[in-house]
N, C-alpha and C. Protein backbone atom coordinates (compact mmCIF):
# COMPACT_ATOMS: atom_id res chain seq x y z
N UNK A 1 -27.07 13.58 -2.42
CA UNK A 1 -26.93 12.15 -2.53
C UNK A 1 -26.75 11.52 -1.13
N UNK A 2 -25.86 12.08 -0.33
CA UNK A 2 -25.66 11.61 1.03
C UNK A 2 -26.15 12.67 2.00
N UNK A 3 -26.66 12.21 3.12
CA UNK A 3 -27.09 13.17 4.13
C UNK A 3 -25.86 13.70 4.88
N UNK A 4 -26.07 14.78 5.61
CA UNK A 4 -24.98 15.39 6.37
C UNK A 4 -24.43 14.41 7.40
N UNK A 5 -25.30 13.67 8.05
CA UNK A 5 -24.86 12.70 9.04
C UNK A 5 -24.00 11.60 8.43
N UNK A 6 -24.35 11.15 7.23
CA UNK A 6 -23.56 10.12 6.57
C UNK A 6 -22.18 10.64 6.19
N UNK A 7 -22.10 11.88 5.73
CA UNK A 7 -20.81 12.46 5.36
C UNK A 7 -19.92 12.63 6.59
N UNK A 8 -20.50 13.09 7.68
CA UNK A 8 -19.73 13.25 8.93
C UNK A 8 -19.22 11.89 9.40
N UNK A 9 -20.08 10.88 9.35
CA UNK A 9 -19.66 9.54 9.75
C UNK A 9 -18.52 9.04 8.86
N UNK A 10 -18.63 9.23 7.56
CA UNK A 10 -17.59 8.76 6.64
C UNK A 10 -16.26 9.44 6.92
N UNK A 11 -16.27 10.75 7.13
CA UNK A 11 -15.04 11.48 7.40
C UNK A 11 -14.43 11.01 8.72
N UNK A 12 -15.23 10.90 9.75
CA UNK A 12 -14.72 10.44 11.05
C UNK A 12 -14.21 9.01 10.97
N UNK A 13 -14.90 8.16 10.24
CA UNK A 13 -14.46 6.77 10.08
C UNK A 13 -13.10 6.70 9.41
N UNK A 14 -12.90 7.46 8.34
CA UNK A 14 -11.62 7.45 7.63
C UNK A 14 -10.51 7.96 8.54
N UNK A 15 -10.76 9.01 9.27
CA UNK A 15 -9.74 9.57 10.17
C UNK A 15 -9.38 8.57 11.27
N UNK A 16 -10.37 8.00 11.93
CA UNK A 16 -10.11 7.04 13.01
C UNK A 16 -9.42 5.80 12.47
N UNK A 17 -9.86 5.30 11.32
CA UNK A 17 -9.25 4.12 10.72
C UNK A 17 -7.78 4.39 10.40
N UNK A 18 -7.46 5.54 9.82
CA UNK A 18 -6.07 5.87 9.50
C UNK A 18 -5.22 5.98 10.76
N UNK A 19 -5.76 6.55 11.82
CA UNK A 19 -5.01 6.67 13.07
C UNK A 19 -4.74 5.30 13.66
N UNK A 20 -5.74 4.42 13.67
CA UNK A 20 -5.55 3.07 14.21
C UNK A 20 -4.51 2.30 13.41
N UNK A 21 -4.56 2.40 12.09
CA UNK A 21 -3.58 1.71 11.24
C UNK A 21 -2.18 2.26 11.52
N UNK A 22 -2.04 3.57 11.64
CA UNK A 22 -0.73 4.18 11.90
C UNK A 22 -0.19 3.74 13.25
N UNK A 23 -1.03 3.71 14.27
CA UNK A 23 -0.59 3.28 15.59
C UNK A 23 -0.20 1.80 15.60
N UNK A 24 -0.94 0.98 14.89
CA UNK A 24 -0.62 -0.45 14.81
C UNK A 24 0.71 -0.65 14.10
N UNK A 25 0.94 0.10 13.03
CA UNK A 25 2.21 -0.02 12.30
C UNK A 25 3.37 0.43 13.19
N UNK A 26 3.18 1.53 13.90
CA UNK A 26 4.23 2.04 14.78
C UNK A 26 4.57 1.02 15.87
N UNK A 27 3.55 0.37 16.40
CA UNK A 27 3.74 -0.62 17.45
C UNK A 27 4.52 -1.84 16.94
N UNK A 28 4.26 -2.26 15.72
CA UNK A 28 4.86 -3.47 15.16
C UNK A 28 6.08 -3.20 14.29
N UNK A 29 6.54 -1.96 14.23
CA UNK A 29 7.63 -1.60 13.31
C UNK A 29 8.91 -2.40 13.60
N UNK A 30 9.28 -2.53 14.85
CA UNK A 30 10.50 -3.26 15.20
C UNK A 30 10.38 -4.74 14.81
N UNK A 31 9.23 -5.32 15.07
CA UNK A 31 9.02 -6.72 14.72
C UNK A 31 9.05 -6.93 13.21
N UNK A 32 8.45 -6.01 12.45
CA UNK A 32 8.46 -6.14 11.00
C UNK A 32 9.85 -5.99 10.42
N UNK A 33 10.64 -5.09 10.96
CA UNK A 33 11.99 -4.90 10.44
C UNK A 33 12.85 -6.13 10.71
N UNK A 34 12.54 -6.87 11.77
CA UNK A 34 13.29 -8.09 12.09
C UNK A 34 12.87 -9.25 11.19
N UNK A 35 11.58 -9.40 10.98
CA UNK A 35 11.06 -10.57 10.25
C UNK A 35 11.07 -10.41 8.74
N UNK A 36 11.03 -9.20 8.24
CA UNK A 36 10.91 -8.97 6.80
C UNK A 36 12.09 -8.17 6.27
N UNK A 37 13.32 -8.67 6.52
CA UNK A 37 14.52 -7.92 6.15
C UNK A 37 14.66 -7.74 4.65
N UNK A 38 14.48 -8.79 3.85
CA UNK A 38 14.76 -8.72 2.41
C UNK A 38 13.57 -8.36 1.55
N UNK A 39 12.48 -7.97 2.14
CA UNK A 39 11.27 -7.74 1.37
C UNK A 39 11.41 -6.53 0.43
N UNK A 40 12.25 -5.59 0.75
CA UNK A 40 12.45 -4.43 -0.12
C UNK A 40 13.01 -4.87 -1.47
N UNK A 41 14.01 -5.76 -1.43
CA UNK A 41 14.60 -6.24 -2.68
C UNK A 41 13.60 -7.05 -3.50
N UNK A 42 12.79 -7.83 -2.85
CA UNK A 42 11.76 -8.59 -3.56
C UNK A 42 10.80 -7.64 -4.26
N UNK A 43 10.39 -6.58 -3.58
CA UNK A 43 9.50 -5.59 -4.19
C UNK A 43 10.14 -4.89 -5.37
N UNK A 44 11.42 -4.53 -5.23
CA UNK A 44 12.12 -3.86 -6.33
C UNK A 44 12.20 -4.77 -7.55
N UNK A 45 12.60 -6.03 -7.33
CA UNK A 45 12.70 -6.96 -8.46
C UNK A 45 11.34 -7.25 -9.08
N UNK A 46 10.29 -7.28 -8.28
CA UNK A 46 8.95 -7.49 -8.81
C UNK A 46 8.55 -6.33 -9.72
N UNK A 47 8.80 -5.11 -9.29
CA UNK A 47 8.47 -3.94 -10.11
C UNK A 47 9.29 -3.95 -11.40
N UNK A 48 10.58 -4.28 -11.31
CA UNK A 48 11.42 -4.36 -12.51
C UNK A 48 10.89 -5.42 -13.46
N UNK A 49 10.47 -6.57 -12.93
CA UNK A 49 9.92 -7.65 -13.75
C UNK A 49 8.67 -7.19 -14.49
N UNK A 50 7.77 -6.52 -13.79
CA UNK A 50 6.54 -6.02 -14.42
C UNK A 50 6.86 -5.01 -15.51
N UNK A 51 7.82 -4.12 -15.26
CA UNK A 51 8.22 -3.13 -16.27
C UNK A 51 8.82 -3.84 -17.48
N UNK A 52 9.64 -4.86 -17.24
CA UNK A 52 10.23 -5.61 -18.35
C UNK A 52 9.15 -6.28 -19.19
N UNK A 53 8.15 -6.87 -18.55
CA UNK A 53 7.05 -7.48 -19.30
C UNK A 53 6.31 -6.44 -20.15
N UNK A 54 6.08 -5.27 -19.59
CA UNK A 54 5.40 -4.21 -20.33
C UNK A 54 6.24 -3.77 -21.54
N UNK A 55 7.56 -3.62 -21.34
CA UNK A 55 8.44 -3.21 -22.44
C UNK A 55 8.46 -4.27 -23.53
N UNK A 56 8.56 -5.53 -23.15
CA UNK A 56 8.55 -6.61 -24.14
C UNK A 56 7.25 -6.62 -24.91
N UNK A 57 6.15 -6.44 -24.23
CA UNK A 57 4.84 -6.41 -24.90
C UNK A 57 4.79 -5.26 -25.91
N UNK A 58 5.29 -4.08 -25.51
CA UNK A 58 5.28 -2.94 -26.42
C UNK A 58 6.17 -3.18 -27.63
N UNK A 59 7.33 -3.83 -27.41
CA UNK A 59 8.24 -4.11 -28.52
C UNK A 59 7.62 -5.12 -29.50
N UNK A 60 6.92 -6.11 -28.99
CA UNK A 60 6.33 -7.12 -29.86
C UNK A 60 5.11 -6.60 -30.60
N UNK A 61 4.41 -5.63 -30.05
CA UNK A 61 3.25 -5.06 -30.73
C UNK A 61 3.64 -4.14 -31.88
N UNK A 62 4.84 -3.58 -31.83
CA UNK A 62 5.28 -2.66 -32.90
C UNK A 62 5.91 -3.42 -33.98
């Protein structure tokens, strides 16, 4: 389906892309921790809210 050259390019692209993203995150880690202090709690409450909606839906369907 794919040629050998295309597969090599895809693998190298994924590796390089992941390295660049990791380096960018490492560089901005201090800035993110300063600007986004409460984001963990927002994420936790969002997940709890979604789970609650799913549970309510399951209870109403039965």
